[in-house]
Amino acid sequence: MKTKALTIRQFRKKLGLPNSPPPQLGRPSNAPLNISNEKVSAIIELFGNNAEMARTLKAKAGLITQWKRRGSIPVSWFRPIYNAAQNKGLPLTLEDIHEADEQKNVK
């Protein structure tokens, strides 16, 4: 099943993010990306579904399901997800996940 590609603006709106990313964000390399289940789900939906994202990342589908259930993505997977999104032409930036994480921690 082919999903409709979202524009960057639509994707950021779906995640509840402002249109412009912050200029620069940083985090320790071992810190988890704690974001809400909806935001993890939105990132997974960009790839189609759990199985498609797992295939793209050469990971097990159960791993993606765990991320979705926990509402967090391990930092070690952040770069592979970003690179896979860029290779597929998906509107996902490094700032999207960082910003989503910051919004959850502000609440």
N, C-alpha and C. Protein backbone atom coordinates (compact mmCIF):
# COMPACT_ATOMS: atom_id res chain seq x y z
N MET A 1 0.84 -1.18 0.00
CA MET A 1 0.00 0.00 0.00
C MET A 1 0.89 1.25 0.00
N LYS A 2 0.72 2.06 -0.98
CA LYS A 2 1.54 3.26 -1.11
C LYS A 2 0.87 4.41 -0.34
N THR A 3 1.66 5.11 0.45
CA THR A 3 1.12 6.22 1.21
C THR A 3 1.43 7.53 0.50
N LYS A 4 0.57 8.49 0.73
CA LYS A 4 0.75 9.81 0.14
C LYS A 4 1.90 10.53 0.85
N ALA A 5 2.82 11.05 0.09
CA ALA A 5 3.95 11.79 0.66
C ALA A 5 3.46 13.11 1.23
N LEU A 6 3.97 13.46 2.39
CA LEU A 6 3.62 14.72 3.02
C LEU A 6 4.67 15.77 2.69
N THR A 7 4.23 17.01 2.62
CA THR A 7 5.21 18.09 2.48
C THR A 7 5.85 18.29 3.85
N ILE A 8 6.94 19.00 3.89
CA ILE A 8 7.60 19.27 5.16
C ILE A 8 6.64 20.01 6.09
N ARG A 9 5.93 20.97 5.56
CA ARG A 9 4.98 21.75 6.36
C ARG A 9 3.89 20.85 6.94
N GLN A 10 3.34 19.93 6.12
CA GLN A 10 2.29 19.01 6.59
C GLN A 10 2.84 18.09 7.67
N PHE A 11 4.06 17.58 7.46
CA PHE A 11 4.66 16.68 8.43
C PHE A 11 4.88 17.40 9.75
N ARG A 12 5.45 18.59 9.70
CA ARG A 12 5.70 19.35 10.92
C ARG A 12 4.39 19.67 11.63
N LYS A 13 3.33 19.98 10.87
CA LYS A 13 2.02 20.26 11.46
C LYS A 13 1.48 19.00 12.14
N LYS A 14 1.64 17.84 11.49
CA LYS A 14 1.17 16.57 12.06
C LYS A 14 1.87 16.27 13.38
N LEU A 15 3.14 16.64 13.48
CA LEU A 15 3.89 16.44 14.72
C LEU A 15 3.61 17.53 15.75
N GLY A 16 2.87 18.56 15.35
CA GLY A 16 2.60 19.66 16.26
C GLY A 16 3.77 20.59 16.44
N LEU A 17 4.60 20.71 15.40
CA LEU A 17 5.80 21.54 15.47
C LEU A 17 5.59 22.86 14.75
N PRO A 18 6.30 23.91 15.16
CA PRO A 18 6.24 25.16 14.40
C PRO A 18 6.89 24.95 13.03
N ASN A 19 6.64 25.87 12.10
CA ASN A 19 7.15 25.71 10.74
C ASN A 19 8.66 25.83 10.63
N SER A 20 9.28 26.55 11.53
CA SER A 20 10.74 26.70 11.41
C SER A 20 11.43 25.96 12.56
N PRO A 21 12.43 25.13 12.23
CA PRO A 21 13.15 24.41 13.28
C PRO A 21 14.06 25.36 14.05
N PRO A 22 14.46 24.98 15.26
CA PRO A 22 15.38 25.83 16.02
C PRO A 22 16.73 25.88 15.33
N PRO A 23 17.50 26.94 15.55
CA PRO A 23 18.77 27.07 14.85
C PRO A 23 19.76 25.95 15.15
N GLN A 24 19.86 25.53 16.42
CA GLN A 24 20.82 24.49 16.74
C GLN A 24 20.39 23.82 18.04
N LEU A 25 20.38 22.50 18.02
CA LEU A 25 20.04 21.74 19.22
C LEU A 25 21.12 20.70 19.46
N GLY A 26 21.33 20.36 20.69
CA GLY A 26 22.30 19.33 20.98
C GLY A 26 21.81 18.45 22.11
N ARG A 27 22.36 17.26 22.20
CA ARG A 27 22.01 16.33 23.26
C ARG A 27 23.16 15.36 23.42
N PRO A 28 23.28 14.77 24.59
CA PRO A 28 24.31 13.75 24.75
C PRO A 28 24.05 12.59 23.80
N SER A 29 25.10 11.97 23.31
CA SER A 29 24.96 10.91 22.32
C SER A 29 24.22 9.68 22.83
N ASN A 30 24.17 9.48 24.14
CA ASN A 30 23.49 8.30 24.67
C ASN A 30 22.08 8.60 25.20
N ALA A 31 21.61 9.83 25.06
CA ALA A 31 20.29 10.19 25.58
C ALA A 31 19.20 9.66 24.66
N PRO A 32 18.11 9.11 25.24
CA PRO A 32 17.02 8.63 24.40
C PRO A 32 16.23 9.81 23.85
N LEU A 33 15.60 9.59 22.71
CA LEU A 33 14.73 10.61 22.14
C LEU A 33 13.33 10.33 22.66
N ASN A 34 12.94 10.97 23.75
CA ASN A 34 11.64 10.75 24.35
C ASN A 34 10.63 11.67 23.67
N ILE A 35 9.83 11.10 22.82
CA ILE A 35 8.80 11.85 22.13
C ILE A 35 7.50 11.09 22.30
N SER A 36 6.39 11.74 22.04
CA SER A 36 5.11 11.10 22.28
C SER A 36 4.85 9.97 21.28
N ASN A 37 3.95 9.06 21.67
CA ASN A 37 3.59 7.95 20.80
C ASN A 37 3.08 8.45 19.46
N GLU A 38 2.28 9.53 19.47
CA GLU A 38 1.75 10.06 18.22
C GLU A 38 2.87 10.54 17.31
N LYS A 39 3.88 11.14 17.89
CA LYS A 39 4.98 11.66 17.08
C LYS A 39 5.85 10.54 16.54
N VAL A 40 6.07 9.51 17.33
CA VAL A 40 6.79 8.34 16.83
C VAL A 40 5.97 7.70 15.72
N SER A 41 4.66 7.60 15.94
CA SER A 41 3.78 7.03 14.91
C SER A 41 3.82 7.83 13.61
N ALA A 42 3.87 9.15 13.73
CA ALA A 42 3.93 10.01 12.54
C ALA A 42 5.22 9.77 11.76
N ILE A 43 6.33 9.58 12.48
CA ILE A 43 7.60 9.31 11.82
C ILE A 43 7.54 7.95 11.11
N ILE A 44 6.96 6.95 11.79
CA ILE A 44 6.83 5.62 11.20
C ILE A 44 5.93 5.67 9.97
N GLU A 45 4.84 6.45 10.04
CA GLU A 45 3.91 6.58 8.91
C GLU A 45 4.59 7.15 7.67
N LEU A 46 5.61 7.98 7.88
CA LEU A 46 6.35 8.50 6.72
C LEU A 46 6.93 7.36 5.89
N PHE A 47 7.35 6.30 6.56
CA PHE A 47 7.94 5.16 5.87
C PHE A 47 6.87 4.19 5.37
N GLY A 48 5.63 4.37 5.78
CA GLY A 48 4.53 3.51 5.36
C GLY A 48 3.90 2.80 6.54
N ASN A 49 4.66 1.94 7.20
CA ASN A 49 4.21 1.23 8.39
C ASN A 49 5.43 0.64 9.10
N ASN A 50 5.17 -0.08 10.21
CA ASN A 50 6.28 -0.65 10.98
C ASN A 50 7.18 -1.54 10.13
N ALA A 51 6.54 -2.44 9.37
CA ALA A 51 7.31 -3.40 8.58
C ALA A 51 8.15 -2.70 7.51
N GLU A 52 7.58 -1.70 6.85
CA GLU A 52 8.31 -0.99 5.79
C GLU A 52 9.49 -0.21 6.38
N MET A 53 9.27 0.42 7.54
CA MET A 53 10.37 1.14 8.18
C MET A 53 11.46 0.15 8.60
N ALA A 54 11.06 -0.99 9.14
CA ALA A 54 12.03 -2.01 9.55
C ALA A 54 12.84 -2.50 8.35
N ARG A 55 12.16 -2.74 7.23
CA ARG A 55 12.87 -3.18 6.01
C ARG A 55 13.87 -2.11 5.56
N THR A 56 13.43 -0.88 5.58
CA THR A 56 14.29 0.22 5.15
C THR A 56 15.54 0.32 6.04
N LEU A 57 15.34 0.12 7.34
CA LEU A 57 16.46 0.24 8.29
C LEU A 57 17.21 -1.07 8.49
N LYS A 58 16.73 -2.14 7.83
CA LYS A 58 17.31 -3.48 8.01
C LYS A 58 17.28 -3.88 9.48
N ALA A 59 16.10 -3.70 10.08
CA ALA A 59 15.88 -4.04 11.49
C ALA A 59 14.64 -4.93 11.58
N LYS A 60 14.38 -5.46 12.76
CA LYS A 60 13.20 -6.28 12.96
C LYS A 60 11.99 -5.37 13.21
N ALA A 61 10.84 -5.79 12.69
CA ALA A 61 9.62 -4.99 12.85
C ALA A 61 9.27 -4.81 14.32
N GLY A 62 9.60 -5.81 15.14
CA GLY A 62 9.32 -5.71 16.57
C GLY A 62 10.04 -4.55 17.23
N LEU A 63 11.21 -4.20 16.71
CA LEU A 63 11.95 -3.06 17.24
C LEU A 63 11.18 -1.77 17.03
N ILE A 64 10.63 -1.62 15.83
CA ILE A 64 9.86 -0.41 15.52
C ILE A 64 8.61 -0.36 16.41
N THR A 65 7.98 -1.51 16.62
CA THR A 65 6.80 -1.58 17.49
C THR A 65 7.16 -1.14 18.91
N GLN A 66 8.33 -1.54 19.39
CA GLN A 66 8.76 -1.12 20.73
C GLN A 66 8.91 0.40 20.81
N TRP A 67 9.50 0.99 19.79
CA TRP A 67 9.66 2.45 19.77
C TRP A 67 8.31 3.12 19.86
N LYS A 68 7.37 2.61 19.08
CA LYS A 68 6.03 3.19 19.03
C LYS A 68 5.35 3.06 20.39
N ARG A 69 5.45 1.90 21.01
CA ARG A 69 4.82 1.66 22.30
C ARG A 69 5.43 2.55 23.38
N ARG A 70 6.76 2.68 23.38
CA ARG A 70 7.45 3.49 24.40
C ARG A 70 7.33 4.98 24.14
N GLY A 71 7.13 5.35 22.89
CA GLY A 71 7.12 6.76 22.53
C GLY A 71 8.51 7.35 22.52
N SER A 72 9.51 6.50 22.23
CA SER A 72 10.89 7.00 22.16
C SER A 72 11.68 6.20 21.14
N ILE A 73 12.68 6.87 20.59
CA ILE A 73 13.57 6.25 19.61
C ILE A 73 14.99 6.39 20.16
N PRO A 74 15.73 5.28 20.28
CA PRO A 74 17.10 5.38 20.78
C PRO A 74 17.96 6.26 19.86
N VAL A 75 18.80 7.05 20.47
CA VAL A 75 19.67 7.96 19.71
C VAL A 75 20.50 7.21 18.69
N SER A 76 20.88 5.99 19.00
CA SER A 76 21.71 5.22 18.05
C SER A 76 20.99 4.98 16.72
N TRP A 77 19.67 5.10 16.69
CA TRP A 77 18.90 4.91 15.46
C TRP A 77 18.54 6.22 14.78
N PHE A 78 18.83 7.32 15.43
CA PHE A 78 18.42 8.61 14.87
C PHE A 78 19.06 8.88 13.52
N ARG A 79 20.37 8.71 13.42
CA ARG A 79 21.07 8.98 12.15
C ARG A 79 20.64 8.01 11.06
N PRO A 80 20.52 6.69 11.34
CA PRO A 80 20.04 5.78 10.28
C PRO A 80 18.63 6.14 9.80
N ILE A 81 17.76 6.57 10.72
CA ILE A 81 16.40 6.97 10.32
C ILE A 81 16.47 8.20 9.43
N TYR A 82 17.26 9.17 9.86
CA TYR A 82 17.40 10.40 9.07
C TYR A 82 17.96 10.10 7.68
N ASN A 83 19.01 9.28 7.63
CA ASN A 83 19.62 8.94 6.33
C ASN A 83 18.64 8.19 5.44
N ALA A 84 17.89 7.25 6.01
CA ALA A 84 16.90 6.49 5.24
C ALA A 84 15.81 7.43 4.71
N ALA A 85 15.38 8.37 5.54
CA ALA A 85 14.36 9.33 5.10
C ALA A 85 14.89 10.18 3.95
N GLN A 86 16.14 10.61 4.05
CA GLN A 86 16.73 11.41 2.97
C GLN A 86 16.84 10.59 1.68
N ASN A 87 17.24 9.33 1.80
CA ASN A 87 17.35 8.46 0.61
C ASN A 87 16.01 8.23 -0.06
N LYS A 88 14.94 8.20 0.74
CA LYS A 88 13.60 7.98 0.19
C LYS A 88 12.93 9.30 -0.19
N GLY A 89 13.57 10.41 0.08
CA GLY A 89 12.98 11.72 -0.24
C GLY A 89 11.86 12.11 0.72
N LEU A 90 11.92 11.61 1.96
CA LEU A 90 10.89 11.91 2.94
C LEU A 90 11.22 13.21 3.68
N PRO A 91 10.18 13.97 4.06
CA PRO A 91 10.41 15.26 4.70
C PRO A 91 10.69 15.13 6.20
N LEU A 92 11.84 14.61 6.55
CA LEU A 92 12.21 14.44 7.95
C LEU A 92 13.59 15.05 8.16
N THR A 93 13.68 15.92 9.14
CA THR A 93 14.97 16.55 9.43
C THR A 93 15.44 16.12 10.81
N LEU A 94 16.70 16.33 11.07
CA LEU A 94 17.25 16.04 12.39
C LEU A 94 16.53 16.88 13.45
N GLU A 95 16.21 18.10 13.10
CA GLU A 95 15.55 19.00 14.04
C GLU A 95 14.14 18.55 14.40
N ASP A 96 13.45 17.86 13.48
CA ASP A 96 12.08 17.42 13.76
C ASP A 96 12.01 16.59 15.02
N ILE A 97 12.88 15.61 15.14
CA ILE A 97 12.83 14.73 16.30
C ILE A 97 13.33 15.45 17.54
N HIS A 98 14.40 16.22 17.40
CA HIS A 98 14.90 16.97 18.55
C HIS A 98 13.83 17.92 19.08
N GLU A 99 13.18 18.62 18.18
CA GLU A 99 12.17 19.60 18.58
C GLU A 99 10.98 18.89 19.21
N ALA A 100 10.56 17.77 18.66
CA ALA A 100 9.46 17.01 19.24
C ALA A 100 9.82 16.57 20.66
N ASP A 101 11.05 16.19 20.86
CA ASP A 101 11.52 15.78 22.19
C ASP A 101 11.46 16.96 23.16
N GLU A 102 11.91 18.11 22.73
CA GLU A 102 11.89 19.29 23.59
C GLU A 102 10.47 19.66 23.97
N GLN A 103 9.52 19.57 23.03
CA GLN A 103 8.14 19.91 23.34
C GLN A 103 7.57 18.97 24.39
N LYS A 104 7.89 17.70 24.36
CA LYS A 104 7.37 16.76 25.35
C LYS A 104 7.91 17.10 26.73
N ASN A 105 9.19 17.47 26.80
CA ASN A 105 9.81 17.76 28.09
C ASN A 105 9.33 19.09 28.68
N VAL A 106 8.78 19.98 27.85
CA VAL A 106 8.31 21.28 28.33
C VAL A 106 6.97 21.13 29.03
N LYS A 107 6.15 20.18 28.60
CA LYS A 107 4.78 20.01 29.13
C LYS A 107 4.75 19.72 30.61
